[in-house]
Protein backbone atom coordinates (compact mmCIF):
# COMPACT_ATOMS: atom_id res chain seq x y z
CA MET A 1 -30.55 -125.78 -95.72
CA THR A 2 -33.13 -124.10 -93.50
CA SER A 3 -33.27 -120.34 -93.06
CA THR A 4 -32.00 -120.59 -89.47
CA VAL A 5 -28.98 -122.64 -90.56
CA LYS A 6 -28.31 -120.21 -93.40
CA SER A 7 -28.56 -117.33 -90.98
CA ALA A 8 -26.03 -118.97 -88.65
CA TYR A 9 -23.68 -119.57 -91.58
CA TRP A 10 -23.75 -115.96 -92.73
CA LYS A 11 -23.37 -114.70 -89.18
CA GLY A 12 -20.23 -116.82 -88.94
CA PHE A 13 -19.04 -115.50 -92.29
CA ARG A 14 -19.44 -111.91 -91.11
CA ASP A 15 -17.64 -112.64 -87.84
CA GLY A 16 -14.78 -114.35 -89.64
CA ALA A 17 -14.39 -111.83 -92.47
CA PRO A 18 -12.16 -109.35 -90.54
CA PHE A 19 -9.57 -112.09 -90.03
CA PHE A 20 -8.89 -111.94 -93.76
CA LEU A 21 -6.78 -108.86 -93.03
CA VAL A 22 -4.56 -110.96 -90.76
CA VAL A 23 -4.52 -114.29 -92.57
CA SER A 24 -3.70 -112.98 -96.04
CA PRO A 25 -0.42 -111.18 -95.24
CA PHE A 26 0.64 -113.99 -92.87
CA ALA A 27 0.09 -116.64 -95.55
CA LEU A 28 1.78 -114.39 -98.09
CA LEU A 29 4.84 -114.17 -95.86
CA PHE A 30 4.89 -117.92 -95.36
CA GLY A 31 4.87 -118.46 -99.11
CA VAL A 32 7.78 -116.04 -99.55
CA VAL A 33 9.83 -117.54 -96.70
CA ALA A 34 9.08 -121.09 -97.88
CA THR A 35 10.48 -120.19 -101.30
CA GLU A 36 13.52 -118.63 -99.66
CA ALA A 37 14.02 -121.93 -97.81
CA GLY A 38 14.09 -123.84 -101.09
CA LEU A 39 10.48 -125.00 -101.54
CA ASN A 40 8.74 -124.55 -104.87
CA VAL A 41 5.18 -123.28 -105.26
CA PHE A 42 3.59 -126.74 -105.12
CA GLU A 43 5.62 -127.76 -102.05
CA ALA A 44 4.73 -124.54 -100.24
CA LEU A 45 1.04 -125.09 -100.99
CA ALA A 46 1.22 -128.74 -99.93
CA PHE A 47 2.83 -127.61 -96.66
CA SER A 48 -0.06 -125.21 -95.96
CA VAL A 49 -2.72 -127.76 -96.93
CA ALA A 50 -1.19 -130.50 -94.77
CA VAL A 51 -0.55 -128.38 -91.68
CA ILE A 52 -2.80 -125.28 -91.93
CA ALA A 53 -1.27 -123.74 -88.81
CA GLY A 54 0.90 -120.68 -89.20
CA ALA A 55 3.10 -120.89 -86.10
CA ALA A 56 3.71 -124.62 -86.55
CA GLN A 57 4.55 -124.15 -90.23
CA PHE A 58 7.10 -121.43 -89.51
CA THR A 59 8.62 -123.52 -86.71
CA ALA A 60 8.97 -126.63 -88.86
CA LEU A 61 10.31 -124.61 -91.78
CA GLN A 62 12.95 -122.96 -89.61
CA LEU A 63 14.12 -126.32 -88.25
CA LEU A 64 14.22 -127.94 -91.69
CA GLN A 65 16.12 -124.94 -93.01
CA ASN A 66 18.69 -125.57 -90.25
CA ASP A 67 19.04 -129.22 -91.38
CA ALA A 68 17.21 -130.65 -88.37
CA PRO A 69 15.81 -134.19 -88.86
CA VAL A 70 12.24 -134.40 -90.06
CA VAL A 71 11.23 -136.14 -86.82
CA ILE A 72 12.47 -133.20 -84.74
CA ALA A 73 10.66 -130.74 -86.99
CA LEU A 74 7.42 -132.72 -86.69
CA VAL A 75 7.63 -133.07 -82.91
CA SER A 76 8.38 -129.36 -82.51
CA ALA A 77 5.46 -128.41 -84.75
CA LEU A 78 3.16 -130.70 -82.76
CA ALA A 79 4.34 -129.12 -79.51
CA VAL A 80 3.53 -125.66 -80.87
CA ASN A 81 0.07 -126.89 -81.84
CA LEU A 82 -0.84 -128.60 -78.55
CA ARG A 83 -3.45 -125.90 -78.01
CA MET A 84 -5.50 -127.45 -80.82
CA ALA A 85 -6.18 -130.47 -78.60
CA MET A 86 -7.65 -128.13 -75.98
CA TYR A 87 -9.69 -126.38 -78.67
CA SER A 88 -11.12 -129.71 -79.80
CA ALA A 89 -12.02 -130.75 -76.26
CA SER A 90 -13.72 -127.41 -75.69
CA LEU A 91 -15.79 -127.67 -78.89
CA THR A 92 -16.89 -131.28 -78.35
CA PRO A 93 -19.81 -130.50 -75.99
CA TRP A 94 -21.20 -128.12 -78.61
CA ILE A 95 -20.74 -129.99 -81.90
CA GLY A 96 -19.90 -133.52 -80.75
CA ALA A 97 -23.32 -134.76 -81.86
CA ALA A 98 -22.81 -133.67 -85.48
CA PRO A 99 -22.33 -136.32 -88.21
CA PHE A 100 -18.84 -137.75 -88.41
CA TRP A 101 -18.00 -136.13 -91.75
CA GLN A 102 -18.92 -132.69 -90.40
CA ARG A 103 -16.84 -133.24 -87.28
CA ALA A 104 -13.92 -134.40 -89.43
CA ILE A 105 -14.06 -131.24 -91.53
CA ALA A 106 -14.41 -129.08 -88.42
CA ALA A 107 -11.41 -130.83 -86.84
CA TYR A 108 -9.27 -130.07 -89.89
CA PHE A 109 -10.33 -126.42 -89.98
CA THR A 110 -10.05 -125.82 -86.24
CA VAL A 111 -7.62 -122.91 -86.06
CA ASP A 112 -7.35 -119.96 -83.68
CA GLN A 113 -9.89 -117.86 -85.58
CA THR A 114 -12.58 -120.50 -86.08
CA TYR A 115 -12.30 -121.65 -82.48
CA ALA A 116 -12.34 -118.19 -80.90
CA CYS A 117 -15.38 -117.00 -82.84
CA SER A 118 -17.29 -120.27 -82.48
CA ILE A 119 -16.87 -120.80 -78.75
CA VAL A 120 -17.98 -117.21 -78.04
CA ALA A 121 -21.01 -117.55 -80.33
CA TYR A 122 -22.00 -120.91 -78.84
CA GLU A 123 -21.90 -119.57 -75.30
CA LYS A 124 -23.94 -116.52 -76.30
CA ASN A 125 -26.51 -118.65 -78.15
CA PRO A 126 -27.02 -121.86 -76.14
CA GLU A 127 -30.37 -122.38 -77.86
CA TRP A 128 -28.70 -123.05 -81.24
CA THR A 129 -29.14 -126.54 -82.65
CA VAL A 130 -26.12 -128.63 -83.65
CA PRO A 131 -26.69 -127.93 -87.40
CA MET A 132 -26.72 -124.19 -86.64
CA ARG A 133 -23.48 -124.46 -84.66
CA ILE A 134 -21.79 -126.39 -87.46
CA ALA A 135 -23.09 -123.87 -90.00
CA TYR A 136 -21.67 -121.01 -87.94
CA PHE A 137 -18.30 -122.76 -87.69
CA PHE A 138 -18.17 -123.28 -91.46
CA GLY A 139 -19.21 -119.66 -91.94
CA VAL A 140 -16.25 -118.41 -89.91
CA MET A 141 -13.96 -120.77 -91.79
CA SER A 142 -15.04 -119.64 -95.27
CA PRO A 143 -13.32 -116.21 -95.39
CA VAL A 144 -10.30 -117.47 -93.43
CA CYS A 145 -8.93 -120.89 -94.37
CA PRO A 146 -9.27 -120.89 -98.19
CA PHE A 147 -7.32 -117.64 -98.35
CA TRP A 148 -4.51 -119.24 -96.35
CA TYR A 149 -3.97 -121.48 -99.38
CA VAL A 150 -4.47 -118.74 -101.97
CA PHE A 151 -2.00 -116.32 -100.43
CA THR A 152 0.52 -119.08 -99.77
CA ILE A 153 0.59 -119.60 -103.55
CA VAL A 154 0.84 -115.85 -104.18
CA GLY A 155 3.68 -115.54 -101.66
CA ALA A 156 5.54 -118.49 -103.14
CA MET A 157 5.22 -117.02 -106.63
CA ILE A 158 6.46 -113.66 -105.40
CA GLY A 159 9.29 -115.35 -103.53
CA GLU A 160 10.47 -117.12 -106.67
CA ALA A 161 10.70 -113.73 -108.37
CA ILE A 162 12.89 -112.22 -105.63
CA PRO A 163 16.63 -112.45 -106.40
CA PRO A 164 18.49 -114.74 -103.94
CA GLU A 165 20.90 -111.95 -102.98
CA PHE A 166 17.99 -110.06 -101.43
CA GLY A 167 17.78 -112.73 -98.69
CA LEU A 168 14.65 -112.92 -96.55
CA ASP A 169 16.09 -114.65 -93.49
CA PHE A 170 15.14 -111.68 -91.36
CA ALA A 171 11.44 -112.34 -92.00
CA MET A 172 11.31 -115.42 -89.75
CA PRO A 173 12.28 -113.83 -86.40
CA ILE A 174 10.27 -110.69 -87.17
CA THR A 175 7.21 -112.82 -87.86
CA PHE A 176 7.48 -114.65 -84.55
CA ILE A 177 7.99 -111.41 -82.64
CA ALA A 178 4.89 -109.96 -84.30
CA MET A 179 2.86 -113.05 -83.38
CA ILE A 180 4.04 -113.35 -79.78
CA ALA A 181 4.30 -109.74 -78.57
CA PRO A 182 0.53 -109.01 -78.59
CA MET A 183 -0.10 -112.19 -76.58
CA LEU A 184 2.01 -111.13 -73.58
CA ARG A 185 -0.90 -109.77 -71.58
CA SER A 186 -0.52 -111.46 -68.19
CA LEU A 187 2.07 -112.69 -65.70
CA PRO A 188 1.81 -116.35 -66.85
CA HIS A 189 2.38 -115.23 -70.46
CA LEU A 190 5.44 -113.23 -69.46
CA ALA A 191 6.78 -116.10 -67.33
CA ALA A 192 6.38 -118.54 -70.21
CA CYS A 193 8.05 -116.17 -72.66
CA PHE A 194 10.97 -115.31 -70.37
CA THR A 195 11.59 -118.96 -69.50
CA ALA A 196 11.44 -120.12 -73.12
CA VAL A 197 13.75 -117.36 -74.35
CA THR A 198 16.25 -117.91 -71.54
CA CYS A 199 16.32 -121.67 -72.09
CA ALA A 200 16.66 -121.24 -75.85
CA LEU A 201 19.73 -119.06 -75.34
CA LEU A 202 21.28 -121.42 -72.78
CA LEU A 203 20.59 -124.58 -74.80
CA THR A 204 22.02 -123.55 -78.15
CA TRP A 205 24.67 -126.24 -77.64
CA MET A 206 22.13 -129.04 -77.96
CA PRO A 207 22.30 -130.97 -81.23
CA LEU A 208 19.56 -131.07 -83.87
CA ASN A 209 18.03 -127.85 -82.49
CA LEU A 210 16.55 -129.85 -79.62
CA GLY A 211 17.05 -126.78 -77.46
CA LEU A 212 14.05 -125.20 -79.18
CA LEU A 213 11.78 -128.11 -78.27
CA VAL A 214 13.02 -128.25 -74.66
CA SER A 215 12.64 -124.48 -74.33
CA GLY A 216 9.07 -124.60 -75.58
CA ILE A 217 8.14 -127.28 -73.06
CA ALA A 218 9.91 -125.39 -70.27
CA GLY A 219 8.03 -122.22 -71.21
CA MET A 220 4.67 -123.99 -71.11
CA MET A 221 5.49 -125.51 -67.71
CA ALA A 222 6.55 -122.13 -66.34
CA GLY A 223 3.39 -120.47 -67.62
CA ALA A 224 1.16 -123.18 -66.14
CA ALA A 225 2.98 -123.05 -62.79
CA THR A 226 2.70 -119.26 -62.66
CA GLU A 227 -0.99 -119.37 -63.48
CA LYS A 228 -1.59 -121.95 -60.74
CA TRP A 229 0.35 -119.82 -58.25
CA ARG A 230 -1.58 -116.69 -59.26
CA ASP A 231 -4.97 -118.40 -58.94
CA GLY A 232 -4.03 -119.80 -55.53
CA HIS A 233 -2.79 -116.39 -54.38
CA ARG A 234 -6.10 -114.81 -55.43
CA ALA A 235 -8.16 -117.53 -53.72
CA ALA A 236 -6.32 -117.23 -50.38
CA PRO A 237 -7.76 -113.82 -49.35
CA LYS A 238 -11.29 -114.96 -50.23
CA GLU A 239 -10.91 -118.07 -48.04
CA ALA A 240 -9.56 -115.92 -45.22
CA GLU A 241 -12.58 -113.61 -45.44
CA ALA A 242 -14.96 -116.58 -45.39
């Protein structure tokens, strides 16, 4: 590994290190809630290894806990994680020329933190070579993803030690509120949230918790439509001035 590649790796490591403070308690909570839902330590870890996506894991776990079919849980989790497809498309121009095995690893470890840090670093450093970009990506991943597994195990072990009568059902909605609230920073975000919440309340009658899936799709459509309307509204005065 050349010095420039090593430098890119350690820069990524430093940029990703602060996310440890977010990932560790989140994974810990997932391990605890997974145990409360009936999973053992190995099953909770396997869940995190297979999915490695917090929001999708909590969504699938909630549906499975409510006796929804596995297919519904999988489809709902995939819907929650649709943003990963956009992440991948955005990263392709930067690391698409890397060897297949590196791209495969990067695809697996593409999460919010690795994507956000990497895309910003790539745009700031367009002169980086592909090996340097891959090294940076892996650097960001190193203090983030492995600890998702470690703290899932710790949370599951703690969860097994908590008496059943203590019940942790409240942790699920609180977790989602904590994840979503900081993201409501614009009109499209608010429109998506309001639409999804309203639909979820109105569609509770749907079987197999399908109301959750429909509400999520409706929220995304509302957010996209609002963003399109906002962009068009902003462009209109500029066209009038021209």
